[in-house]
């Protein structure tokens, strides 16, 4: 069965809930290893990022309870 963006977003939320923080680099590495390159892209700044579809679903799942920390490249509870 093919992996969906929603499954990855759910994994991200689980990681955030268990650790209280989710670093983008760690998430990108995990997603690449377990789900493949199709969910990763290189942004304008040259950094690897998680697909916009996955991030949109992740945001919907956490319902605004998590915040992106731009300077540290991570999500955390706020």
PDB file of N, CA and C in Angstrom:
ATOM      1  N   UNK A   1       0.843  -1.190   0.000  1.00  0.00           N
ATOM      2  CA  UNK A   1       0.000   0.000   0.000  1.00  0.00           C
ATOM      3  C   UNK A   1       0.886   1.251   0.000  1.00  0.00           C
ATOM      4  N   UNK A   2       0.527   2.199  -0.798  1.00  0.00           N
ATOM      5  CA  UNK A   2       1.310   3.433  -0.918  1.00  0.00           C
ATOM      6  C   UNK A   2       1.146   4.299   0.333  1.00  0.00           C
ATOM      7  N   UNK A   3       2.232   4.919   0.695  1.00  0.00           N
ATOM      8  CA  UNK A   3       2.218   5.836   1.840  1.00  0.00           C
ATOM      9  C   UNK A   3       1.529   7.126   1.416  1.00  0.00           C
ATOM     10  N   UNK A   4       0.742   7.675   2.315  1.00  0.00           N
ATOM     11  CA  UNK A   4       0.083   8.937   2.014  1.00  0.00           C
ATOM     12  C   UNK A   4       0.724  10.067   2.800  1.00  0.00           C
ATOM     13  N   UNK A   5       0.518  11.278   2.311  1.00  0.00           N
ATOM     14  CA  UNK A   5       1.019  12.464   3.009  1.00  0.00           C
ATOM     15  C   UNK A   5       0.420  12.532   4.406  1.00  0.00           C
ATOM     16  N   UNK A   6      -0.818  12.081   4.559  1.00  0.00           N
ATOM     17  CA  UNK A   6      -1.470  12.111   5.868  1.00  0.00           C
ATOM     18  C   UNK A   6      -0.757  11.209   6.872  1.00  0.00           C
ATOM     19  N   UNK A   7      -0.288  10.042   6.417  1.00  0.00           N
ATOM     20  CA  UNK A   7       0.448   9.132   7.303  1.00  0.00           C
ATOM     21  C   UNK A   7       1.727   9.805   7.812  1.00  0.00           C
ATOM     22  N   UNK A   8       2.405  10.516   6.947  1.00  0.00           N
ATOM     23  CA  UNK A   8       3.634  11.203   7.341  1.00  0.00           C
ATOM     24  C   UNK A   8       3.313  12.325   8.316  1.00  0.00           C
ATOM     25  N   UNK A   9       2.257  13.073   8.042  1.00  0.00           N
ATOM     26  CA  UNK A   9       1.847  14.149   8.945  1.00  0.00           C
ATOM     27  C   UNK A   9       1.503  13.576  10.320  1.00  0.00           C
ATOM     28  N   UNK A  10       0.848  12.425  10.357  1.00  0.00           N
ATOM     29  CA  UNK A  10       0.518  11.781  11.628  1.00  0.00           C
ATOM     30  C   UNK A  10       1.781  11.351  12.353  1.00  0.00           C
ATOM     31  N   UNK A  11       2.767  10.820  11.613  1.00  0.00           N
ATOM     32  CA  UNK A  11       4.049  10.454  12.214  1.00  0.00           C
ATOM     33  C   UNK A  11       4.709  11.695  12.820  1.00  0.00           C
ATOM     34  N   UNK A  12       4.692  12.816  12.082  1.00  0.00           N
ATOM     35  CA  UNK A  12       5.294  14.051  12.586  1.00  0.00           C
ATOM     36  C   UNK A  12       4.640  14.490  13.890  1.00  0.00           C
ATOM     37  N   UNK A  13       3.309  14.423  13.940  1.00  0.00           N
ATOM     38  CA  UNK A  13       2.592  14.819  15.152  1.00  0.00           C
ATOM     39  C   UNK A  13       2.955  13.905  16.318  1.00  0.00           C
ATOM     40  N   UNK A  14       3.059  12.595  16.064  1.00  0.00           N
ATOM     41  CA  UNK A  14       3.453  11.657  17.115  1.00  0.00           C
ATOM     42  C   UNK A  14       4.840  12.005  17.658  1.00  0.00           C
ATOM     43  N   UNK A  15       5.761  12.331  16.764  1.00  0.00           N
ATOM     44  CA  UNK A  15       7.119  12.694  17.190  1.00  0.00           C
ATOM     45  C   UNK A  15       7.097  13.956  18.040  1.00  0.00           C
ATOM     46  N   UNK A  16       6.339  14.926  17.607  1.00  0.00           N
ATOM     47  CA  UNK A  16       6.242  16.182  18.343  1.00  0.00           C
ATOM     48  C   UNK A  16       5.617  15.951  19.722  1.00  0.00           C
ATOM     49  N   UNK A  17       4.584  15.127  19.764  1.00  0.00           N
ATOM     50  CA  UNK A  17       3.913  14.846  21.039  1.00  0.00           C
ATOM     51  C   UNK A  17       4.835  14.114  22.004  1.00  0.00           C
ATOM     52  N   UNK A  18       5.629  13.174  21.496  1.00  0.00           N
ATOM     53  CA  UNK A  18       6.474  12.386  22.398  1.00  0.00           C
ATOM     54  C   UNK A  18       7.711  13.150  22.845  1.00  0.00           C
ATOM     55  N   UNK A  19       8.310  13.952  21.962  1.00  0.00           N
ATOM     56  CA  UNK A  19       9.559  14.640  22.289  1.00  0.00           C
ATOM     57  C   UNK A  19       9.351  16.103  22.680  1.00  0.00           C
ATOM     58  N   UNK A  20       8.217  16.684  22.271  1.00  0.00           N
ATOM     59  CA  UNK A  20       7.967  18.095  22.559  1.00  0.00           C
ATOM     60  C   UNK A  20       8.616  19.033  21.560  1.00  0.00           C
ATOM     61  N   UNK A  21       9.393  18.463  20.642  1.00  0.00           N
ATOM     62  CA  UNK A  21      10.092  19.241  19.625  1.00  0.00           C
ATOM     63  C   UNK A  21      10.326  18.324  18.429  1.00  0.00           C
ATOM     64  N   UNK A  22      10.298  18.892  17.229  1.00  0.00           N
ATOM     65  CA  UNK A  22      10.567  18.112  16.020  1.00  0.00           C
ATOM     66  C   UNK A  22      11.455  18.936  15.114  1.00  0.00           C
ATOM     67  N   UNK A  23      12.696  18.497  14.959  1.00  0.00           N
ATOM     68  CA  UNK A  23      13.645  19.196  14.090  1.00  0.00           C
ATOM     69  C   UNK A  23      13.394  18.816  12.641  1.00  0.00           C
ATOM     70  N   UNK A  24      13.387  19.821  11.776  1.00  0.00           N
ATOM     71  CA  UNK A  24      13.127  19.573  10.362  1.00  0.00           C
ATOM     72  C   UNK A  24      14.138  18.605   9.766  1.00  0.00           C
ATOM     73  N   UNK A  25      15.426  18.777  10.072  1.00  0.00           N
ATOM     74  CA  UNK A  25      16.444  17.897   9.485  1.00  0.00           C
ATOM     75  C   UNK A  25      16.208  16.443   9.873  1.00  0.00           C
ATOM     76  N   UNK A  26      15.878  16.194  11.126  1.00  0.00           N
ATOM     77  CA  UNK A  26      15.612  14.823  11.562  1.00  0.00           C
ATOM     78  C   UNK A  26      14.374  14.265  10.866  1.00  0.00           C
ATOM     79  N   UNK A  27      13.349  15.095  10.728  1.00  0.00           N
ATOM     80  CA  UNK A  27      12.129  14.657  10.042  1.00  0.00           C
ATOM     81  C   UNK A  27      12.412  14.369   8.573  1.00  0.00           C
ATOM     82  N   UNK A  28      13.165  15.253   7.919  1.00  0.00           N
ATOM     83  CA  UNK A  28      13.514  15.051   6.502  1.00  0.00           C
ATOM     84  C   UNK A  28      14.276  13.735   6.339  1.00  0.00           C
ATOM     85  N   UNK A  29      15.268  13.495   7.190  1.00  0.00           N
ATOM     86  CA  UNK A  29      16.062  12.264   7.096  1.00  0.00           C
ATOM     87  C   UNK A  29      15.192  11.032   7.283  1.00  0.00           C
ATOM     88  N   UNK A  30      14.305  11.078   8.281  1.00  0.00           N
ATOM     89  CA  UNK A  30      13.428   9.936   8.549  1.00  0.00           C
ATOM     90  C   UNK A  30      12.463   9.711   7.384  1.00  0.00           C
ATOM     91  N   UNK A  31      11.860  10.785   6.917  1.00  0.00           N
ATOM     92  CA  UNK A  31      10.896  10.669   5.807  1.00  0.00           C
ATOM     93  C   UNK A  31      11.582  10.099   4.572  1.00  0.00           C
ATOM     94  N   UNK A  32      12.776  10.580   4.281  1.00  0.00           N
ATOM     95  CA  UNK A  32      13.510  10.068   3.111  1.00  0.00           C
ATOM     96  C   UNK A  32      13.769   8.567   3.259  1.00  0.00           C
ATOM     97  N   UNK A  33      14.242   8.146   4.412  1.00  0.00           N
ATOM     98  CA  UNK A  33      14.577   6.728   4.626  1.00  0.00           C
ATOM     99  C   UNK A  33      13.350   5.828   4.607  1.00  0.00           C
ATOM    100  N   UNK A  34      12.257   6.294   5.199  1.00  0.00           N
ATOM    101  CA  UNK A  34      11.097   5.425   5.369  1.00  0.00           C
ATOM    102  C   UNK A  34       9.986   5.615   4.339  1.00  0.00           C
ATOM    103  N   UNK A  35       9.932   6.786   3.730  1.00  0.00           N
ATOM    104  CA  UNK A  35       8.821   7.071   2.815  1.00  0.00           C
ATOM    105  C   UNK A  35       9.257   7.463   1.410  1.00  0.00           C
ATOM    106  N   UNK A  36      10.516   7.844   1.227  1.00  0.00           N
ATOM    107  CA  UNK A  36      11.013   8.165  -0.105  1.00  0.00           C
ATOM    108  C   UNK A  36      11.170   9.649  -0.373  1.00  0.00           C
ATOM    109  N   UNK A  37      11.844   9.915  -1.474  1.00  0.00           N
ATOM    110  CA  UNK A  37      12.201  11.280  -1.880  1.00  0.00           C
ATOM    111  C   UNK A  37      11.000  12.129  -2.293  1.00  0.00           C
ATOM    112  N   UNK A  38       9.907  11.501  -2.664  1.00  0.00           N
ATOM    113  CA  UNK A  38       8.787  12.261  -3.223  1.00  0.00           C
ATOM    114  C   UNK A  38       8.161  13.223  -2.216  1.00  0.00           C
ATOM    115  N   UNK A  39       8.462  13.052  -0.936  1.00  0.00           N
ATOM    116  CA  UNK A  39       7.897  13.928   0.090  1.00  0.00           C
ATOM    117  C   UNK A  39       8.890  14.995   0.556  1.00  0.00           C
ATOM    118  N   UNK A  40      10.030  15.108  -0.151  1.00  0.00           N
ATOM    119  CA  UNK A  40      11.092  16.059   0.202  1.00  0.00           C
ATOM    120  C   UNK A  40      11.363  16.952  -1.004  1.00  0.00           C
ATOM    121  N   UNK A  41      11.668  18.216  -0.746  1.00  0.00           N
ATOM    122  CA  UNK A  41      12.097  19.106  -1.828  1.00  0.00           C
ATOM    123  C   UNK A  41      13.147  20.068  -1.278  1.00  0.00           C
ATOM    124  N   UNK A  42      13.887  20.711  -2.183  1.00  0.00           N
ATOM    125  CA  UNK A  42      14.872  21.708  -1.783  1.00  0.00           C
ATOM    126  C   UNK A  42      14.259  23.086  -2.000  1.00  0.00           C
ATOM    127  N   UNK A  43      14.200  23.868  -0.929  1.00  0.00           N
ATOM    128  CA  UNK A  43      13.596  25.197  -0.990  1.00  0.00           C
ATOM    129  C   UNK A  43      14.514  26.221  -1.630  1.00  0.00           C
ATOM    130  N   UNK A  44      14.002  27.431  -1.755  1.00  0.00           N
ATOM    131  CA  UNK A  44      14.752  28.522  -2.375  1.00  0.00           C
ATOM    132  C   UNK A  44      16.044  28.828  -1.635  1.00  0.00           C
ATOM    133  N   UNK A  45      16.059  28.580  -0.325  1.00  0.00           N
ATOM    134  CA  UNK A  45      17.249  28.858   0.478  1.00  0.00           C
ATOM    135  C   UNK A  45      18.273  27.730   0.415  1.00  0.00           C
ATOM    136  N   UNK A  46      17.958  26.669  -0.338  1.00  0.00           N
ATOM    137  CA  UNK A  46      18.876  25.550  -0.489  1.00  0.00           C
ATOM    138  C   UNK A  46      18.723  24.468   0.565  1.00  0.00           C
ATOM    139  N   UNK A  47      17.823  24.674   1.517  1.00  0.00           N
ATOM    140  CA  UNK A  47      17.585  23.674   2.564  1.00  0.00           C
ATOM    141  C   UNK A  47      16.545  22.660   2.112  1.00  0.00           C
ATOM    142  N   UNK A  48      16.750  21.421   2.528  1.00  0.00           N
ATOM    143  CA  UNK A  48      15.752  20.402   2.246  1.00  0.00           C
ATOM    144  C   UNK A  48      14.556  20.621   3.155  1.00  0.00           C
ATOM    145  N   UNK A  49      13.394  20.391   2.621  1.00  0.00           N
ATOM    146  CA  UNK A  49      12.165  20.607   3.376  1.00  0.00           C
ATOM    147  C   UNK A  49      11.181  19.490   3.083  1.00  0.00           C
ATOM    148  N   UNK A  50      10.142  19.464   3.883  1.00  0.00           N
ATOM    149  CA  UNK A  50       9.075  18.477   3.754  1.00  0.00           C
ATOM    150  C   UNK A  50       8.020  19.054   2.821  1.00  0.00           C
ATOM    151  N   UNK A  51       7.440  18.221   2.003  1.00  0.00           N
ATOM    152  CA  UNK A  51       6.478  18.688   1.009  1.00  0.00           C
ATOM    153  C   UNK A  51       5.403  19.567   1.626  1.00  0.00           C
ATOM    154  N   UNK A  52       4.963  20.528   0.846  1.00  0.00           N
ATOM    155  CA  UNK A  52       3.944  21.470   1.310  1.00  0.00           C
ATOM    156  C   UNK A  52       2.653  20.742   1.683  1.00  0.00           C
ATOM    157  N   UNK A  53       2.329  19.687   0.949  1.00  0.00           N
ATOM    158  CA  UNK A  53       1.119  18.916   1.252  1.00  0.00           C
ATOM    159  C   UNK A  53       1.210  18.295   2.649  1.00  0.00           C
ATOM    160  N   UNK A  54       2.362  17.691   2.964  1.00  0.00           N
ATOM    161  CA  UNK A  54       2.547  17.077   4.284  1.00  0.00           C
ATOM    162  C   UNK A  54       2.480  18.142   5.369  1.00  0.00           C
ATOM    163  N   UNK A  55       3.156  19.278   5.162  1.00  0.00           N
ATOM    164  CA  UNK A  55       3.151  20.338   6.177  1.00  0.00           C
ATOM    165  C   UNK A  55       1.751  20.904   6.390  1.00  0.00           C
ATOM    166  N   UNK A  56       0.984  21.009   5.324  1.00  0.00           N
ATOM    167  CA  UNK A  56      -0.389  21.501   5.434  1.00  0.00           C
ATOM    168  C   UNK A  56      -1.229  20.540   6.277  1.00  0.00           C
ATOM    169  N   UNK A  57      -1.095  19.251   6.048  1.00  0.00           N
ATOM    170  CA  UNK A  57      -1.832  18.246   6.818  1.00  0.00           C
ATOM    171  C   UNK A  57      -1.362  18.221   8.269  1.00  0.00           C
ATOM    172  N   UNK A  58      -0.050  18.372   8.475  1.00  0.00           N
ATOM    173  CA  UNK A  58       0.516  18.419   9.827  1.00  0.00           C
ATOM    174  C   UNK A  58      -0.065  19.596  10.598  1.00  0.00           C
ATOM    175  N   UNK A  59      -0.136  20.745   9.946  1.00  0.00           N
ATOM    176  CA  UNK A  59      -0.686  21.942  10.587  1.00  0.00           C
ATOM    177  C   UNK A  59      -2.153  21.710  10.968  1.00  0.00           C
ATOM    178  N   UNK A  60      -2.884  21.060  10.080  1.00  0.00           N
ATOM    179  CA  UNK A  60      -4.293  20.759  10.355  1.00  0.00           C
ATOM    180  C   UNK A  60      -4.410  19.820  11.565  1.00  0.00           C
ATOM    181  N   UNK A  61      -3.513  18.836  11.655  1.00  0.00           N
ATOM    182  CA  UNK A  61      -3.552  17.873  12.756  1.00  0.00           C
ATOM    183  C   UNK A  61      -3.226  18.519  14.102  1.00  0.00           C
ATOM    184  N   UNK A  62      -2.226  19.414  14.124  1.00  0.00           N
ATOM    185  CA  UNK A  62      -1.874  20.015  15.418  1.00  0.00           C
ATOM    186  C   UNK A  62      -2.770  21.200  15.754  1.00  0.00           C
ATOM    187  N   UNK A  63      -3.544  21.660  14.792  1.00  0.00           N
ATOM    188  CA  UNK A  63      -4.563  22.673  15.046  1.00  0.00           C
ATOM    189  C   UNK A  63      -4.050  23.972  15.648  1.00  0.00           C
ATOM    190  N   UNK A  64      -2.844  24.358  15.263  1.00  0.00           N
ATOM    191  CA  UNK A  64      -2.286  25.616  15.752  1.00  0.00           C
ATOM    192  C   UNK A  64      -1.613  25.513  17.109  1.00  0.00           C
ATOM    193  N   UNK A  65      -1.529  24.307  17.654  1.00  0.00           N
ATOM    194  CA  UNK A  65      -0.895  24.124  18.966  1.00  0.00           C
ATOM    195  C   UNK A  65       0.625  24.075  18.874  1.00  0.00           C
ATOM    196  N   UNK A  66       1.160  23.909  17.665  1.00  0.00           N
ATOM    197  CA  UNK A  66       2.610  23.872  17.470  1.00  0.00           C
ATOM    198  C   UNK A  66       3.023  25.089  16.660  1.00  0.00           C
ATOM    199  N   UNK A  67       4.247  25.526  16.885  1.00  0.00           N
ATOM    200  CA  UNK A  67       4.771  26.684  16.170  1.00  0.00           C
ATOM    201  C   UNK A  67       6.098  26.319  15.516  1.00  0.00           C
ATOM    202  N   UNK A  68       6.337  26.904  14.351  1.00  0.00           N
ATOM    203  CA  UNK A  68       7.590  26.728  13.631  1.00  0.00           C
ATOM    204  C   UNK A  68       8.584  27.760  14.141  1.00  0.00           C
ATOM    205  N   UNK A  69       9.741  27.292  14.583  1.00  0.00           N
ATOM    206  CA  UNK A  69      10.815  28.170  15.039  1.00  0.00           C
ATOM    207  C   UNK A  69      11.800  28.319  13.884  1.00  0.00           C
ATOM    208  N   UNK A  70      11.677  29.430  13.178  1.00  0.00           N
ATOM    209  CA  UNK A  70      12.445  29.661  11.962  1.00  0.00           C
ATOM    210  C   UNK A  70      13.957  29.619  12.193  1.00  0.00           C
ATOM    211  N   UNK A  71      14.431  30.212  13.274  1.00  0.00           N
ATOM    212  CA  UNK A  71      15.873  30.273  13.526  1.00  0.00           C
ATOM    213  C   UNK A  71      16.466  28.900  13.838  1.00  0.00           C
ATOM    214  N   UNK A  72      15.674  28.044  14.495  1.00  0.00           N
ATOM    215  CA  UNK A  72      16.187  26.736  14.877  1.00  0.00           C
ATOM    216  C   UNK A  72      15.759  25.609  13.972  1.00  0.00           C
ATOM    217  N   UNK A  73      14.916  25.907  12.991  1.00  0.00           N
ATOM    218  CA  UNK A  73      14.408  24.890  12.062  1.00  0.00           C
ATOM    219  C   UNK A  73      13.728  23.730  12.787  1.00  0.00           C
ATOM    220  N   UNK A  74      12.797  24.054  13.682  1.00  0.00           N
ATOM    221  CA  UNK A  74      12.056  23.008  14.373  1.00  0.00           C
ATOM    222  C   UNK A  74      10.644  23.477  14.701  1.00  0.00           C
ATOM    223  N   UNK A  75       9.796  22.502  15.000  1.00  0.00           N
ATOM    224  CA  UNK A  75       8.456  22.768  15.508  1.00  0.00           C
ATOM    225  C   UNK A  75       8.459  22.478  17.001  1.00  0.00           C
ATOM    226  N   UNK A  76       7.724  23.257  17.751  1.00  0.00           N
ATOM    227  CA  UNK A  76       7.589  23.010  19.187  1.00  0.00           C
ATOM    228  C   UNK A  76       6.213  23.473  19.631  1.00  0.00           C
ATOM    229  N   UNK A  77       5.798  23.024  20.788  1.00  0.00           N
ATOM    230  CA  UNK A  77       4.500  23.439  21.334  1.00  0.00           C
ATOM    231  C   UNK A  77       4.566  24.880  21.779  1.00  0.00           C
ATOM    232  N   UNK A  78       3.475  25.586  21.623  1.00  0.00           N
ATOM    233  CA  UNK A  78       3.433  26.971  22.136  1.00  0.00           C
ATOM    234  C   UNK A  78       2.155  27.217  22.894  1.00  0.00           C
TER     235      UNK A  78
END
